[in-house]
Protein backbone atom coordinates (compact mmCIF):
# COMPACT_ATOMS: atom_id res chain seq x y z
CA MET A 1 -24.30 25.28 -1.63
CA GLU A 2 -25.53 21.56 -1.09
CA THR A 3 -26.08 20.33 2.18
CA GLU A 4 -24.99 17.02 3.07
CA SER A 5 -26.47 14.28 1.61
CA LYS A 6 -27.42 11.11 3.94
CA GLY A 7 -29.92 8.55 3.92
CA ALA A 8 -30.05 4.46 4.20
CA ALA A 9 -28.12 3.00 0.91
CA PRO A 10 -30.19 1.03 -1.28
CA GLN A 11 -30.56 -2.81 -0.48
CA PRO A 12 -29.70 -4.91 -3.07
CA GLN A 13 -32.87 -7.21 -2.66
CA GLU A 14 -34.73 -8.66 -5.75
CA PRO A 15 -34.84 -5.92 -8.58
CA GLN A 16 -38.02 -4.43 -9.33
CA LYS A 17 -39.80 -5.96 -12.13
CA ASP A 18 -41.30 -3.21 -14.05
CA ALA A 19 -41.76 -1.52 -17.21
CA GLU A 20 -38.40 0.45 -16.49
CA ARG A 21 -36.54 -2.59 -15.58
CA ILE A 22 -33.61 -0.57 -13.04
CA ASP A 23 -31.98 -2.29 -10.51
CA PRO A 24 -31.96 -1.43 -6.47
CA TYR A 25 -28.74 0.87 -7.30
CA GLY A 26 -30.59 3.13 -10.04
CA PHE A 27 -29.07 1.78 -13.13
CA GLU A 28 -31.80 0.75 -16.07
CA ARG A 29 -30.82 -3.41 -17.47
CA ARG A 30 -32.49 -3.09 -21.03
CA HIS A 31 -30.37 -5.83 -22.34
CA ASP A 32 -29.22 -8.24 -19.19
CA PHE A 33 -32.59 -7.76 -16.81
CA GLU A 34 -33.55 -11.27 -17.39
CA SER A 35 -30.09 -12.84 -16.38
CA TYR A 36 -29.72 -10.16 -13.73
CA THR A 37 -32.93 -10.76 -12.00
CA GLY A 38 -32.11 -14.73 -12.31
CA MET A 39 -29.31 -14.41 -10.79
CA MET A 40 -30.11 -12.19 -7.85
CA SER A 41 -32.91 -14.63 -7.20
CA GLU A 42 -30.40 -17.49 -6.32
CA TYR A 43 -27.94 -14.36 -4.80
CA VAL A 44 -30.90 -12.97 -2.27
CA SER A 45 -30.64 -16.19 0.04
CA VAL A 46 -26.75 -15.72 -0.10
CA LEU A 47 -27.34 -12.22 1.29
CA HIS A 48 -30.13 -12.58 3.86
CA ARG A 49 -27.56 -15.78 5.67
CA ARG A 50 -24.56 -13.35 5.20
CA SER A 51 -26.62 -10.13 6.75
CA MET A 52 -27.54 -12.41 9.94
CA ARG A 53 -23.69 -13.19 10.10
CA TRP A 54 -22.53 -9.80 10.04
CA SER A 55 -24.90 -8.67 12.25
CA LYS A 56 -24.13 -11.19 14.85
CA LEU A 57 -20.34 -9.99 14.64
CA LEU A 58 -20.86 -6.44 14.54
CA GLU A 59 -22.92 -6.83 17.87
CA GLU A 60 -20.23 -9.12 19.61
CA THR A 61 -17.30 -6.96 18.42
CA PRO A 62 -18.60 -3.38 17.20
CA HIS A 63 -15.09 -2.07 16.65
CA VAL A 64 -14.36 -3.22 13.22
CA GLU A 65 -10.72 -4.83 13.43
CA LYS A 66 -8.24 -6.53 11.00
CA ASN A 67 -8.23 -10.19 11.57
CA LEU A 68 -8.94 -13.53 9.96
CA THR A 69 -12.26 -13.90 10.80
CA VAL A 70 -13.25 -10.40 9.31
CA LYS A 71 -11.29 -10.80 6.09
CA ARG A 72 -13.34 -14.27 5.82
CA PHE A 73 -16.83 -12.45 6.30
CA VAL A 74 -15.22 -9.40 3.65
CA ARG A 75 -14.78 -11.90 1.08
CA LYS A 76 -17.75 -13.85 1.29
CA GLY A 77 -19.50 -10.40 1.22
CA VAL A 78 -20.57 -7.20 2.95
CA PRO A 79 -24.22 -6.63 2.82
CA ASN A 80 -25.34 -3.48 2.24
CA GLU A 81 -26.89 -2.37 5.00
CA HIS A 82 -23.14 -2.84 6.44
CA ARG A 83 -21.26 -1.60 3.40
CA ALA A 84 -20.10 1.94 4.74
CA ARG A 85 -19.42 1.34 7.86
CA ILE A 86 -16.71 -1.38 6.77
CA TRP A 87 -15.44 0.39 4.55
CA MET A 88 -14.78 3.27 6.15
CA ALA A 89 -13.13 1.45 8.89
CA ALA A 90 -11.16 -1.23 6.59
CA SER A 91 -9.81 1.99 5.12
CA GLY A 92 -9.13 3.99 7.33
CA ALA A 93 -11.25 6.65 5.94
CA GLN A 94 -13.66 6.50 9.41
CA GLU A 95 -10.47 7.70 11.34
CA GLN A 96 -9.64 10.50 8.59
CA LEU A 97 -13.00 11.72 9.23
CA GLU A 98 -13.07 11.65 12.94
CA SER A 99 -9.66 13.36 13.31
CA ARG A 100 -10.56 16.10 11.04
CA PRO A 101 -14.08 17.28 11.73
CA GLY A 102 -15.47 20.25 9.73
CA TYR A 103 -12.39 19.43 7.05
CA TYR A 104 -14.64 18.69 4.17
CA ARG A 105 -17.35 21.28 4.98
CA SER A 106 -14.42 23.88 5.42
CA LEU A 107 -13.26 22.84 1.37
CA LEU A 108 -16.65 23.27 -0.14
CA ALA A 109 -16.64 26.72 1.81
CA MET A 110 -13.43 27.77 0.21
CA GLU A 111 -12.89 29.93 -3.23
CA HIS A 112 -12.87 27.44 -5.86
CA ASP A 113 -10.70 26.99 -8.42
CA ALA A 114 -12.62 27.82 -11.99
CA ARG A 115 -10.78 25.64 -14.09
CA LEU A 116 -11.49 22.55 -11.66
CA ARG A 117 -15.25 23.59 -11.53
CA ASP A 118 -15.91 23.72 -15.23
CA THR A 119 -13.53 20.59 -15.88
CA ILE A 120 -16.07 18.67 -13.18
CA HIS A 121 -19.28 20.37 -14.14
CA THR A 122 -18.49 18.93 -18.17
CA ASP A 123 -18.36 15.48 -16.66
CA MET A 124 -21.03 15.53 -14.63
CA HIS A 125 -23.68 14.96 -17.48
CA ARG A 126 -21.44 11.76 -18.78
CA THR A 127 -21.57 9.63 -15.05
CA PHE A 128 -24.03 7.10 -15.02
CA PRO A 129 -26.58 8.46 -17.79
CA ASP A 130 -27.77 4.85 -17.41
CA ASN A 131 -28.80 5.75 -13.68
CA ILE A 132 -31.58 7.45 -12.55
CA LEU A 133 -29.92 9.02 -9.88
CA PHE A 134 -27.61 10.92 -11.51
CA ARG A 135 -30.04 12.72 -14.13
CA SER A 136 -30.54 16.12 -12.41
CA GLN A 137 -29.07 18.44 -10.23
CA GLY A 138 -31.80 18.97 -7.60
CA GLU A 139 -32.89 16.76 -5.08
CA PRO A 140 -33.72 13.86 -4.66
CA GLY A 141 -30.68 13.34 -7.54
CA LEU A 142 -26.92 12.77 -6.51
CA GLN A 143 -25.32 14.80 -9.33
CA ARG A 144 -25.08 17.65 -7.08
CA ALA A 145 -23.27 15.39 -4.11
CA LEU A 146 -21.03 14.15 -6.92
CA PHE A 147 -20.15 17.51 -7.99
CA ASN A 148 -19.30 18.43 -4.32
CA VAL A 149 -16.91 15.52 -3.71
CA LEU A 150 -15.04 16.12 -6.62
CA LEU A 151 -14.36 19.45 -6.05
CA ALA A 152 -13.68 19.45 -2.19
CA TYR A 153 -10.95 16.60 -3.19
CA GLY A 154 -10.09 18.50 -6.18
CA HIS A 155 -8.90 21.28 -3.52
CA HIS A 156 -7.88 18.27 -1.13
CA ASN A 157 -5.19 16.75 -3.37
CA GLN A 158 -3.96 19.66 -5.56
CA ALA A 159 -1.39 16.99 -6.80
CA VAL A 160 -4.44 15.12 -8.75
CA GLY A 161 -6.91 17.62 -9.09
CA TYR A 162 -9.58 15.83 -11.09
CA CYS A 163 -9.02 13.64 -13.99
CA GLN A 164 -11.86 11.26 -15.77
CA GLY A 165 -12.59 7.89 -14.13
CA MET A 166 -12.79 9.71 -10.72
CA ASN A 167 -16.49 10.60 -11.41
CA PHE A 168 -17.36 7.18 -11.70
CA ILE A 169 -15.37 5.92 -8.33
CA ALA A 170 -16.97 8.81 -6.37
CA GLY A 171 -20.78 8.32 -8.25
CA TYR A 172 -20.27 4.36 -6.76
CA LEU A 173 -19.40 5.65 -2.97
CA ILE A 174 -22.27 8.11 -3.02
CA ILE A 175 -24.35 5.32 -3.93
CA ILE A 176 -23.62 3.03 -1.30
CA THR A 177 -22.75 5.40 1.59
CA LYS A 178 -25.43 8.37 0.67
CA ASP A 179 -23.13 10.63 2.38
CA GLU A 180 -21.01 13.12 0.62
CA GLU A 181 -18.27 13.57 3.81
CA LYS A 182 -17.97 9.59 3.89
CA SER A 183 -17.60 9.67 0.12
CA PHE A 184 -14.98 11.66 0.21
CA TRP A 185 -13.05 10.32 2.84
CA LEU A 186 -13.40 6.69 0.97
CA MET A 187 -11.95 8.60 -2.03
CA ASP A 188 -9.07 10.05 -0.53
CA ALA A 189 -8.21 6.78 0.95
CA LEU A 190 -8.37 4.86 -2.84
CA LEU A 191 -6.19 7.05 -4.19
CA GLY A 192 -3.63 8.54 -1.60
CA THR A 193 -3.52 5.42 0.04
CA ILE A 194 -4.72 2.03 -1.65
CA LEU A 195 -3.90 3.31 -5.21
CA PRO A 196 -1.24 5.95 -4.85
CA ASP A 197 -0.28 7.48 -8.34
CA TYR A 198 -2.92 6.29 -10.42
CA TYR A 199 -4.95 9.24 -10.94
CA SER A 200 -1.38 11.80 -10.66
CA PRO A 201 -0.78 13.42 -13.77
CA ALA A 202 1.70 10.95 -15.37
CA MET A 203 -0.02 8.26 -14.09
CA LEU A 204 3.07 6.16 -12.61
CA GLY A 205 1.07 4.03 -10.48
CA LEU A 206 -1.52 2.78 -13.28
CA ARG A 207 1.20 2.29 -16.00
CA THR A 208 3.08 0.30 -13.74
CA ASP A 209 0.25 -1.97 -12.33
CA GLN A 210 -0.58 -2.62 -15.74
CA GLU A 211 3.04 -4.24 -16.49
CA VAL A 212 2.82 -5.57 -13.15
CA LEU A 213 0.12 -7.70 -14.84
CA GLY A 214 1.55 -8.55 -17.55
CA GLU A 215 4.69 -9.89 -15.70
CA LEU A 216 2.05 -11.81 -13.27
CA VAL A 217 0.40 -13.50 -16.50
CA LYS A 218 3.87 -14.44 -17.96
CA SER A 219 4.33 -16.89 -14.73
CA LYS A 220 0.95 -17.77 -14.54
CA ALA A 221 -0.29 -18.39 -18.01
CA PRO A 222 2.87 -18.53 -20.11
CA ALA A 223 1.42 -19.14 -23.21
CA VAL A 224 -0.80 -16.00 -22.83
CA GLY A 225 2.17 -13.92 -21.56
CA GLN A 226 4.24 -15.22 -24.86
CA LEU A 227 1.08 -14.12 -27.09
CA MET A 228 1.15 -10.91 -25.67
CA ALA A 229 4.27 -10.20 -26.02
CA GLN A 230 3.77 -10.14 -29.79
CA TYR A 231 2.27 -6.46 -29.15
CA PRO A 232 3.77 -4.02 -27.45
CA GLY A 233 2.14 -1.84 -25.25
CA ILE A 234 -0.88 -4.16 -25.17
CA TRP A 235 -1.59 -4.28 -21.59
CA THR A 236 -2.15 -0.64 -21.58
CA LEU A 237 -4.99 -0.72 -24.47
CA VAL A 238 -6.43 -3.73 -22.76
CA VAL A 239 -6.53 -3.10 -19.49
CA SER A 240 -5.88 0.30 -18.84
CA ARG A 241 -10.08 0.83 -17.86
CA TRP A 242 -10.44 -1.72 -15.48
CA PHE A 243 -7.68 -0.35 -13.20
CA ILE A 244 -8.64 3.10 -13.39
CA CYS A 245 -12.29 2.37 -13.03
CA LEU A 246 -12.02 -0.26 -10.82
CA TYR A 247 -13.91 -2.19 -12.75
CA ILE A 248 -16.81 -0.08 -12.86
CA ASP A 249 -18.54 -0.07 -16.15
CA ILE A 250 -16.41 -3.16 -17.01
CA LEU A 251 -18.05 -5.99 -14.46
CA PRO A 252 -21.76 -6.13 -13.37
CA ILE A 253 -22.27 -3.73 -9.97
CA GLU A 254 -22.87 -6.46 -7.86
CA THR A 255 -19.80 -7.76 -8.59
CA VAL A 256 -17.76 -4.69 -8.40
CA LEU A 257 -19.41 -3.73 -5.32
CA ARG A 258 -17.76 -7.48 -3.94
CA ILE A 259 -14.42 -6.53 -5.30
CA TRP A 260 -14.67 -3.24 -3.85
CA ASP A 261 -15.13 -5.08 0.05
CA CYS A 262 -11.67 -6.49 -0.30
CA LEU A 263 -9.97 -3.66 -2.18
CA PHE A 264 -10.74 -1.42 0.90
CA TYR A 265 -10.00 -4.54 3.17
CA GLU A 266 -7.02 -5.73 1.60
CA GLY A 267 -5.39 -3.35 -0.71
CA SER A 268 -4.85 -3.26 -4.45
CA LYS A 269 -3.43 -7.36 -4.96
CA VAL A 270 -7.13 -7.95 -5.22
CA LEU A 271 -7.12 -5.81 -8.39
CA PHE A 272 -4.67 -8.19 -9.87
CA ARG A 273 -6.81 -11.01 -8.38
CA VAL A 274 -9.52 -10.23 -10.55
CA ALA A 275 -7.80 -9.65 -13.66
CA LEU A 276 -5.91 -12.64 -13.71
CA THR A 277 -8.58 -14.79 -12.87
CA LEU A 278 -10.41 -13.19 -16.22
CA VAL A 279 -7.42 -14.34 -17.97
CA LEU A 280 -7.22 -18.03 -16.90
CA HIS A 281 -10.34 -18.61 -16.97
CA HIS A 282 -10.47 -17.39 -20.85
CA GLN A 283 -7.11 -18.11 -22.18
CA THR A 284 -7.94 -20.74 -24.36
CA GLU A 285 -10.08 -17.96 -26.26
CA VAL A 286 -7.38 -15.62 -25.89
CA LEU A 287 -4.56 -18.10 -27.84
CA ARG A 288 -7.07 -18.35 -30.62
CA ALA A 289 -6.54 -14.69 -31.36
CA ARG A 290 -4.75 -13.99 -34.68
CA SER A 291 -4.36 -10.01 -34.46
CA LEU A 292 -4.20 -6.83 -32.34
CA PRO A 293 -8.59 -6.67 -32.87
CA ASP A 294 -8.85 -10.33 -31.92
CA VAL A 295 -7.42 -10.05 -28.45
CA CYS A 296 -8.67 -6.41 -27.98
CA GLN A 297 -12.16 -8.25 -28.79
CA CYS A 298 -11.31 -10.93 -26.53
CA PHE A 299 -10.76 -8.99 -23.64
CA LYS A 300 -13.68 -6.74 -24.39
CA GLN A 301 -15.95 -10.36 -24.18
CA MET A 302 -14.11 -11.68 -21.21
CA THR A 303 -15.60 -9.06 -18.56
CA SER A 304 -18.89 -10.36 -19.20
CA GLY A 305 -21.80 -12.88 -19.67
CA ALA A 306 -22.44 -15.92 -16.83
CA PHE A 307 -19.09 -15.98 -15.13
CA THR A 308 -18.96 -12.30 -13.87
CA LEU A 309 -22.16 -11.86 -13.37
CA ASP A 310 -22.68 -14.44 -10.61
CA CYS A 311 -20.73 -12.74 -8.02
CA HIS A 312 -20.88 -15.07 -5.65
CA ALA A 313 -19.08 -17.61 -7.45
CA PHE A 314 -17.04 -15.31 -9.76
CA MET A 315 -15.32 -13.87 -6.35
CA GLN A 316 -14.66 -17.47 -4.69
CA LYS A 317 -13.10 -18.13 -8.19
CA ILE A 318 -10.30 -14.61 -7.37
CA PHE A 319 -9.01 -16.33 -4.37
CA THR A 320 -8.48 -20.22 -5.68
CA GLU A 321 -7.62 -19.80 -9.68
CA PRO A 322 -4.60 -17.49 -9.44
CA GLY A 323 -3.07 -19.66 -7.09
CA SER A 324 -0.64 -17.54 -4.22
CA LEU A 325 -0.43 -14.54 -4.99
CA SER A 326 1.31 -12.07 -1.97
CA MET A 327 1.91 -8.19 -1.88
CA ALA A 328 5.30 -9.20 -1.62
CA THR A 329 5.67 -10.18 -4.84
CA ILE A 330 3.23 -7.27 -5.79
CA ASN A 331 5.60 -4.58 -4.59
CA LYS A 332 9.13 -6.62 -6.08
CA LEU A 333 7.67 -6.49 -9.30
CA ARG A 334 6.56 -3.00 -9.11
CA GLU A 335 9.79 -1.71 -8.36
CA LYS A 336 11.16 -3.12 -11.69
CA CYS A 337 8.35 -2.35 -14.47
CA ARG A 338 8.46 1.45 -12.66
CA ARG A 339 12.36 0.99 -12.93
CA GLN A 340 11.66 0.14 -17.01
CA ILE A 341 9.09 2.73 -17.01
CA GLN A 342 11.17 5.41 -15.62
CA GLU A 343 14.59 4.55 -17.86
CA GLU A 344 12.49 4.06 -20.85
CA GLU A 345 11.17 7.78 -20.52
CA SER A 346 14.75 9.04 -19.33
CA ARG A 347 15.99 7.76 -22.79
CA GLY A 348 13.44 9.77 -24.58
CA PRO A 349 11.76 9.15 -28.36
C-alpha cells in the first residue's frame, strides 16, 4: 500500500522558460505558453502582495474563521502556500480529518471491491496525460496517490462509488495539498456537502443546476435565454462539463484554483457566477448563432482567450457582472427545477 504523499505544494511563480514549457503544476503548455508567461509575469506581483497580507492575517488569527475580512481575502485569491489550509478549514474538511483519525487509512486497508478498483484503474492513464506528475505509478509521480484517494472515497461513499470527472477533481486536490488524506476529506466536502447529488448515479443535483443556470440566464440575459429556449436540453449539452469538472480543463488552471478558493469558502453559488459571467460577457457572439452547432461552438470558445486567462481580472468580474445572486434565489430555483425534472421522469417517455 502506498504511504501518504506529503510535501510542499507547488508555488505559482513565473513558469519555467525551457523547451518543455511546463507550468508550476506540472502541465505542459505547448499552445499558450507565451500568453501564460505574459499573464504570470504581471500576476506574480499580485501573488506577492496577497501572500504578505495572508501571512499577516494568519499570524494574527491562526484559527481560520468565516467573516467579512476572510471572505474578502478569499475572493482576492489564496496564495498557494496557504491554499490547502484555507480549503480544509473553510470546507469543514479539517474538522472531519481531526474527528476521524485513522479512518482514511482504514479504508485503504480494507478488502476492496474488484469492480470499483478496476474502473478507477482504467481511468488512471486518462487523468491529465499532459501533466508530468501523473505519468507514472511510481515515485515521485502522483498517480498512485490519485488511485488511493479515489479508491478510499469509493468505499466511503458507496452511493456514489466512482464516476468520470472525479479523477480530475482528486488530481487537482492532490497537486495542491500533496497529501492523500487531506485530498480525501476535501473530496468528501465537495461531493457530500457542497455539491450533493452531482455524482450520484442519477446526477439529479447536476441536472438540476444546469436548469437553474438556464433560469438565471433568462432573468439576467433575456435575449440569450430566449435563443437557448429554442433548443431543448441545450444546457446539458453546453455546460454539463463545466459543472461536473468544476471548470477543470475548461478554464486555465490559475483561474480554476481561484474559483475553487471561493467554492470551498462560499459554496456552489460561485459556479453560477462563473457561468453567468461567461455568458454575459459573450452574449453578442451567442446571439449571432443561427444553429445548434453554432451555439455549441460559441460556448466552447467563450472559455478560452485573454478574458479567462487573466484570473485576477476574471475573478473581479464574476462578483460584479452577474449582479446580485443569493443562495436563497438559487435554492428556490433548485426546488422548482428539481420538481420539474422529477415530474417529467414520472411521466415517462
